[in-house]
Amino acid sequence: MTHRIEFNEEELKVKLNTETGRISWRELLPHFARGVVIRVAGELDLVEVAARFAADDKERVAAWLTRGEVVRASDEDARSWNQSQPEFWAVVAAPWVLVQVVRMQ
């Protein structure tokens, strides 16, 4: 039997914030290969976006998708990241790995 743990919105954000960390392109590559990397625009709060994904907030996520602020990482992203070897902030909102570029090498 599995039990699902429910969090209120603030608890969820705190939990996600503690699970956010830096990751290299090399570490991110296997997740990209699985098709689960989501690129989040730098002006958005990564933890807020992850919380909306985790809460299945279809309306908010759809708005970000429509504006291109949240997109599935593309092959073009991968080529660029392979060249520049950036560092990312990343957080998992299963099954997705949400990332923002921190700095380019």
N, C-alpha and C. Protein backbone atom coordinates (compact mmCIF):
# COMPACT_ATOMS: atom_id res chain seq x y z
N MET A 1 0.85 -1.17 0.00
CA MET A 1 0.00 0.00 0.00
C MET A 1 0.90 1.24 0.00
N THR A 2 0.59 2.21 -0.87
CA THR A 2 1.36 3.45 -0.88
C THR A 2 0.52 4.56 -0.28
N HIS A 3 1.20 5.47 0.38
CA HIS A 3 0.53 6.62 0.97
C HIS A 3 1.07 7.87 0.31
N ARG A 4 0.18 8.72 -0.09
CA ARG A 4 0.58 9.98 -0.68
C ARG A 4 0.56 11.04 0.41
N ILE A 5 1.67 11.75 0.53
CA ILE A 5 1.76 12.81 1.54
C ILE A 5 1.28 14.11 0.90
N GLU A 6 0.33 14.74 1.53
CA GLU A 6 -0.20 16.00 1.03
C GLU A 6 0.45 17.17 1.77
N PHE A 7 0.75 18.23 1.05
CA PHE A 7 1.33 19.43 1.62
C PHE A 7 0.43 20.61 1.29
N ASN A 8 0.34 21.57 2.22
CA ASN A 8 -0.32 22.81 1.83
C ASN A 8 0.67 23.58 0.96
N GLU A 9 0.23 24.67 0.36
CA GLU A 9 1.05 25.38 -0.61
C GLU A 9 2.39 25.84 -0.03
N GLU A 10 2.37 26.41 1.16
CA GLU A 10 3.61 26.89 1.77
C GLU A 10 4.55 25.74 2.12
N GLU A 11 4.01 24.66 2.66
CA GLU A 11 4.84 23.49 2.99
C GLU A 11 5.47 22.91 1.72
N LEU A 12 4.70 22.89 0.65
CA LEU A 12 5.21 22.39 -0.62
C LEU A 12 6.37 23.25 -1.11
N LYS A 13 6.23 24.56 -1.04
CA LYS A 13 7.30 25.46 -1.48
C LYS A 13 8.55 25.31 -0.62
N VAL A 14 8.37 25.16 0.68
CA VAL A 14 9.52 24.96 1.57
C VAL A 14 10.22 23.66 1.21
N LYS A 15 9.44 22.58 1.02
CA LYS A 15 10.01 21.29 0.65
C LYS A 15 10.78 21.39 -0.66
N LEU A 16 10.17 21.99 -1.67
CA LEU A 16 10.83 22.12 -2.97
C LEU A 16 12.08 22.98 -2.87
N ASN A 17 12.01 24.04 -2.08
CA ASN A 17 13.17 24.92 -1.93
C ASN A 17 14.36 24.16 -1.36
N THR A 18 14.11 23.27 -0.40
CA THR A 18 15.20 22.50 0.20
C THR A 18 15.75 21.46 -0.78
N GLU A 19 14.99 21.15 -1.81
CA GLU A 19 15.42 20.15 -2.80
C GLU A 19 16.01 20.79 -4.06
N THR A 20 16.12 22.10 -4.07
CA THR A 20 16.68 22.83 -5.20
C THR A 20 18.20 22.88 -5.07
N GLY A 21 18.88 22.68 -6.17
CA GLY A 21 20.34 22.73 -6.11
C GLY A 21 20.95 22.99 -7.47
N ARG A 22 22.25 23.19 -7.44
CA ARG A 22 22.99 23.41 -8.68
C ARG A 22 23.32 22.07 -9.33
N ILE A 23 23.32 22.10 -10.66
CA ILE A 23 23.61 20.89 -11.42
C ILE A 23 24.33 21.31 -12.70
N SER A 24 25.25 20.50 -13.14
CA SER A 24 25.98 20.78 -14.38
C SER A 24 25.21 20.19 -15.57
N TRP A 25 25.58 20.63 -16.76
CA TRP A 25 24.98 20.07 -17.97
C TRP A 25 25.26 18.57 -18.05
N ARG A 26 26.45 18.18 -17.69
CA ARG A 26 26.82 16.76 -17.73
C ARG A 26 25.88 15.93 -16.83
N GLU A 27 25.54 16.46 -15.65
CA GLU A 27 24.63 15.76 -14.73
C GLU A 27 23.18 15.79 -15.23
N LEU A 28 22.84 16.85 -15.96
CA LEU A 28 21.48 17.02 -16.45
C LEU A 28 21.21 16.20 -17.71
N LEU A 29 22.26 15.89 -18.45
CA LEU A 29 22.13 15.22 -19.75
C LEU A 29 21.28 13.95 -19.73
N PRO A 30 21.45 13.04 -18.75
CA PRO A 30 20.59 11.84 -18.76
C PRO A 30 19.09 12.17 -18.64
N HIS A 31 18.77 13.22 -17.90
CA HIS A 31 17.37 13.63 -17.76
C HIS A 31 16.86 14.22 -19.07
N PHE A 32 17.73 14.99 -19.75
CA PHE A 32 17.36 15.52 -21.06
C PHE A 32 17.09 14.36 -22.01
N ALA A 33 17.95 13.34 -21.99
CA ALA A 33 17.78 12.19 -22.88
C ALA A 33 16.45 11.48 -22.63
N ARG A 34 15.94 11.53 -21.40
CA ARG A 34 14.63 10.93 -21.08
C ARG A 34 13.47 11.85 -21.46
N GLY A 35 13.78 13.11 -21.86
CA GLY A 35 12.74 14.04 -22.28
C GLY A 35 11.98 14.70 -21.16
N VAL A 36 12.62 14.81 -19.97
CA VAL A 36 11.90 15.33 -18.81
C VAL A 36 12.43 16.68 -18.31
N VAL A 37 13.30 17.33 -19.09
CA VAL A 37 13.85 18.61 -18.65
C VAL A 37 12.96 19.75 -19.14
N ILE A 38 12.59 20.60 -18.21
CA ILE A 38 11.77 21.78 -18.50
C ILE A 38 12.62 23.02 -18.22
N ARG A 39 12.76 23.87 -19.24
CA ARG A 39 13.52 25.12 -19.11
C ARG A 39 12.57 26.21 -18.61
N VAL A 40 12.98 26.86 -17.53
CA VAL A 40 12.17 27.91 -16.90
C VAL A 40 12.87 29.25 -17.11
N ALA A 41 12.13 30.23 -17.59
CA ALA A 41 12.70 31.56 -17.83
C ALA A 41 13.29 32.14 -16.55
N GLY A 42 14.38 32.86 -16.69
CA GLY A 42 15.09 33.42 -15.55
C GLY A 42 14.29 34.37 -14.70
N GLU A 43 13.31 35.02 -15.29
CA GLU A 43 12.51 35.98 -14.51
C GLU A 43 11.46 35.31 -13.63
N LEU A 44 11.24 34.01 -13.81
CA LEU A 44 10.28 33.29 -12.98
C LEU A 44 10.98 32.70 -11.76
N ASP A 45 10.21 32.50 -10.70
CA ASP A 45 10.71 31.86 -9.48
C ASP A 45 10.64 30.34 -9.70
N LEU A 46 11.81 29.70 -9.74
CA LEU A 46 11.89 28.27 -10.03
C LEU A 46 11.05 27.45 -9.05
N VAL A 47 11.10 27.79 -7.78
CA VAL A 47 10.34 27.04 -6.77
C VAL A 47 8.84 27.21 -6.98
N GLU A 48 8.41 28.41 -7.31
CA GLU A 48 6.99 28.66 -7.59
C GLU A 48 6.53 27.83 -8.78
N VAL A 49 7.33 27.81 -9.83
CA VAL A 49 6.97 27.02 -11.02
C VAL A 49 6.89 25.54 -10.65
N ALA A 50 7.87 25.05 -9.92
CA ALA A 50 7.86 23.64 -9.50
C ALA A 50 6.63 23.34 -8.65
N ALA A 51 6.26 24.26 -7.78
CA ALA A 51 5.09 24.07 -6.93
C ALA A 51 3.82 23.98 -7.78
N ARG A 52 3.72 24.81 -8.80
CA ARG A 52 2.55 24.77 -9.68
C ARG A 52 2.51 23.46 -10.47
N PHE A 53 3.67 22.96 -10.90
CA PHE A 53 3.73 21.66 -11.58
C PHE A 53 3.29 20.56 -10.61
N ALA A 54 3.85 20.58 -9.41
CA ALA A 54 3.54 19.54 -8.41
C ALA A 54 2.07 19.55 -8.01
N ALA A 55 1.47 20.74 -7.99
CA ALA A 55 0.06 20.87 -7.62
C ALA A 55 -0.87 20.64 -8.82
N ASP A 56 -0.28 20.36 -9.99
CA ASP A 56 -1.05 20.12 -11.21
C ASP A 56 -1.95 21.32 -11.54
N ASP A 57 -1.37 22.53 -11.40
CA ASP A 57 -2.08 23.77 -11.70
C ASP A 57 -2.05 24.01 -13.21
N LYS A 58 -2.93 23.33 -13.92
CA LYS A 58 -2.94 23.35 -15.38
C LYS A 58 -3.09 24.76 -15.95
N GLU A 59 -3.91 25.58 -15.32
CA GLU A 59 -4.15 26.93 -15.83
C GLU A 59 -2.88 27.78 -15.79
N ARG A 60 -2.20 27.79 -14.65
CA ARG A 60 -0.98 28.60 -14.52
C ARG A 60 0.12 28.07 -15.42
N VAL A 61 0.30 26.76 -15.44
CA VAL A 61 1.34 26.16 -16.28
C VAL A 61 1.05 26.44 -17.75
N ALA A 62 -0.20 26.32 -18.16
CA ALA A 62 -0.57 26.59 -19.55
C ALA A 62 -0.25 28.04 -19.94
N ALA A 63 -0.48 28.97 -19.03
CA ALA A 63 -0.18 30.38 -19.31
C ALA A 63 1.33 30.57 -19.53
N TRP A 64 2.14 29.95 -18.69
CA TRP A 64 3.60 30.05 -18.87
C TRP A 64 4.02 29.41 -20.19
N LEU A 65 3.43 28.26 -20.50
CA LEU A 65 3.75 27.58 -21.76
C LEU A 65 3.39 28.45 -22.95
N THR A 66 2.22 29.06 -22.91
CA THR A 66 1.75 29.92 -24.00
C THR A 66 2.70 31.09 -24.22
N ARG A 67 3.19 31.66 -23.12
CA ARG A 67 4.10 32.81 -23.22
C ARG A 67 5.55 32.38 -23.49
N GLY A 68 5.82 31.08 -23.51
CA GLY A 68 7.17 30.59 -23.76
C GLY A 68 8.11 30.76 -22.57
N GLU A 69 7.55 30.99 -21.39
CA GLU A 69 8.36 31.16 -20.18
C GLU A 69 8.76 29.82 -19.56
N VAL A 70 8.02 28.80 -19.89
CA VAL A 70 8.27 27.44 -19.43
C VAL A 70 8.13 26.55 -20.66
N VAL A 71 9.21 25.85 -21.02
CA VAL A 71 9.18 25.00 -22.22
C VAL A 71 10.00 23.74 -21.98
N ARG A 72 9.61 22.70 -22.67
CA ARG A 72 10.43 21.48 -22.63
C ARG A 72 11.75 21.80 -23.34
N ALA A 73 12.86 21.41 -22.73
CA ALA A 73 14.16 21.67 -23.32
C ALA A 73 14.24 20.99 -24.69
N SER A 74 14.77 21.73 -25.65
CA SER A 74 14.81 21.27 -27.03
C SER A 74 16.21 20.77 -27.40
N ASP A 75 16.30 20.16 -28.57
CA ASP A 75 17.61 19.75 -29.08
C ASP A 75 18.50 20.97 -29.26
N GLU A 76 17.92 22.09 -29.66
CA GLU A 76 18.69 23.33 -29.80
C GLU A 76 19.27 23.76 -28.44
N ASP A 77 18.46 23.66 -27.38
CA ASP A 77 18.96 23.95 -26.03
C ASP A 77 20.15 23.04 -25.72
N ALA A 78 20.00 21.76 -26.01
CA ALA A 78 21.05 20.79 -25.70
C ALA A 78 22.34 21.13 -26.45
N ARG A 79 22.23 21.50 -27.72
CA ARG A 79 23.43 21.88 -28.48
C ARG A 79 24.09 23.10 -27.85
N SER A 80 23.29 24.09 -27.51
CA SER A 80 23.82 25.31 -26.88
C SER A 80 24.48 24.99 -25.54
N TRP A 81 23.81 24.19 -24.73
CA TRP A 81 24.34 23.84 -23.40
C TRP A 81 25.59 22.98 -23.52
N ASN A 82 25.64 22.12 -24.55
CA ASN A 82 26.83 21.30 -24.76
C ASN A 82 28.03 22.18 -25.07
N GLN A 83 27.80 23.25 -25.82
CA GLN A 83 28.87 24.20 -26.17
C GLN A 83 29.29 25.05 -24.99
N SER A 84 28.30 25.58 -24.26
CA SER A 84 28.59 26.56 -23.20
C SER A 84 28.82 25.93 -21.82
N GLN A 85 28.41 24.67 -21.65
CA GLN A 85 28.57 23.97 -20.37
C GLN A 85 28.09 24.81 -19.18
N PRO A 86 26.82 25.24 -19.20
CA PRO A 86 26.31 26.08 -18.12
C PRO A 86 26.09 25.30 -16.83
N GLU A 87 25.89 26.05 -15.78
CA GLU A 87 25.46 25.50 -14.51
C GLU A 87 24.00 25.89 -14.37
N PHE A 88 23.20 25.03 -13.75
CA PHE A 88 21.77 25.25 -13.63
C PHE A 88 21.35 25.21 -12.16
N TRP A 89 20.25 25.91 -11.87
CA TRP A 89 19.48 25.63 -10.67
C TRP A 89 18.47 24.60 -11.13
N ALA A 90 18.26 23.57 -10.35
CA ALA A 90 17.33 22.52 -10.74
C ALA A 90 16.51 22.05 -9.55
N VAL A 91 15.32 21.60 -9.85
CA VAL A 91 14.44 21.00 -8.85
C VAL A 91 13.55 19.99 -9.56
N VAL A 92 13.25 18.91 -8.87
CA VAL A 92 12.41 17.86 -9.44
C VAL A 92 10.97 18.08 -8.99
N ALA A 93 10.07 18.12 -9.97
CA ALA A 93 8.63 18.07 -9.72
C ALA A 93 8.19 16.88 -10.58
N ALA A 94 8.36 15.68 -10.01
CA ALA A 94 8.23 14.43 -10.76
C ALA A 94 7.02 14.43 -11.67
N PRO A 95 7.20 14.00 -12.89
CA PRO A 95 8.40 13.39 -13.45
C PRO A 95 9.38 14.39 -14.05
N TRP A 96 9.13 15.66 -13.90
CA TRP A 96 9.90 16.71 -14.56
C TRP A 96 11.10 17.16 -13.74
N VAL A 97 12.15 17.59 -14.46
CA VAL A 97 13.29 18.27 -13.85
C VAL A 97 13.26 19.69 -14.40
N LEU A 98 12.96 20.65 -13.54
CA LEU A 98 12.87 22.04 -13.95
C LEU A 98 14.20 22.73 -13.72
N VAL A 99 14.66 23.50 -14.72
CA VAL A 99 15.98 24.12 -14.64
C VAL A 99 15.95 25.58 -15.09
N GLN A 100 16.89 26.32 -14.52
CA GLN A 100 17.21 27.68 -14.98
C GLN A 100 18.72 27.76 -15.08
N VAL A 101 19.20 28.41 -16.14
CA VAL A 101 20.64 28.59 -16.28
C VAL A 101 21.11 29.58 -15.24
N VAL A 102 22.17 29.19 -14.49
CA VAL A 102 22.75 30.07 -13.48
C VAL A 102 23.86 30.89 -14.11
N ARG A 103 24.77 30.19 -14.77
CA ARG A 103 25.86 30.90 -15.44
C ARG A 103 26.42 30.04 -16.55
N MET A 104 26.95 30.71 -17.54
CA MET A 104 27.60 30.02 -18.65
C MET A 104 29.09 30.01 -18.34
N GLN A 105 29.77 28.96 -18.78
CA GLN A 105 31.21 28.84 -18.54
C GLN A 105 31.99 29.72 -19.49
